[in-house]
Structure formats: structure tokens, C-alpha cells
């Protein structure tokens, strides 16, 4: 039996929805046998912007104990789950800034041949969930990564309705992470860990 899958969950969240999804993914991945690193990317917004939204300030304060992501968290991992809220149909500047620091590791081939997948949230039902994940997945192709989307491989994904990854509609904070989203996250976590384990076993 080969070693457990090493999974990094690297995300940005402003008001806490992404944090809750990330924690759910982490718990489900650990239950599936993975060794997990949960990491948040650096907040770039000024305090004035953060303080303008009580939920944003609360999330920043509540997640201080979660370590900030480093390049080593990607290099170390067999699989990486990246998460970001939608920003005009794309990922947040905070997550993009982190990804842009990985050029050295990319040039050395240290990001290739890993499993990658993504999760997101939006304020509205048609607010860019699919386009955000597809835009994120462009990066994984440049890495030489192996994109593992959940697809419609489980009945829970028909309720969630997003084959590209886990997503949640928060309705401007009115809808907290619910059982539908948590079940979708469970499917994604198990699939990512399972595929990564199969690849790891095949290389052993």
C-alpha cells in the first residue's frame, strides 16, 4: 500500500463562504485517507475595504489561525484544490496573485503531473460559477496538471448542478453553506483523492 495522498486546499474567501467549503473539503478528504494542508492566500484588500463589510471583517478575524499558502504547499502536494469567489466571471485577484508567484516552480516542472480541481461561490444563480472554474482550469493546463472535475458522477451533483466543481450561491450573504453544497464538496473531495491515489499507486 503506497503512502496517503498529499492534498493542499488553497483558497481565498472574503465573507466566509469559501472558508466553509474549504473546511468541508478538508474534512471529507481526510475521511477519504488524505493528508491535508488547508491554506488561505494573502488578503490584498486594505482595512478600509474590509471594515466596510462586517462579514468580511469577521471572516478575516476568524481565519487568522489558518496558515497562508506558500509555493511549497503546491510542490508538496499530489493534488491541489483551489477555491475562489467569482470576480466578474473569473477568480479573485488574491488567488491570482498567489498563482502568479508560482512561475519559478512552473519553470522547473514542479507543478506538472498533479491532480487539480476547483471550487467557487457567487452572489447570484447565474453569476459566473462555471466561467470562474473554467478560467481557473486554464491555469492547470499550463501547469501540465491533471484536471479532475467531479462531473455528474454522483446523484448529489444533479442537485448542485455544477459538473466543473463545487459551487454555492450565497445571495449576498443570505444563503449560508447548506447540505447541497456540502454533499457536492464531499463528492469532489472523494473523487480528487481517489484519482490522485490511483495515480500515486501506479507510480509506486
Foldseek 3Di string as FASTA:
>chain_A
DDAAFEEEEEEEDQLCQQVVLLVLLQVLLVVLPHHYQYAYFDDDDDPVVQVVDVSRVVVVVVCPPRHHDDLVSQLVGLEYEYEAEDDQLEGDPRVVVRLVVCVVCLVVLSNAAHEYAYEYEYQDPVGNRQSHRVNVVVSCVSSNYHYDFLAPPDVLCVVQVDRRAQYYHCNVPVDHDDPSRSVRSSSGSNRNSVVSVVVVVVVD
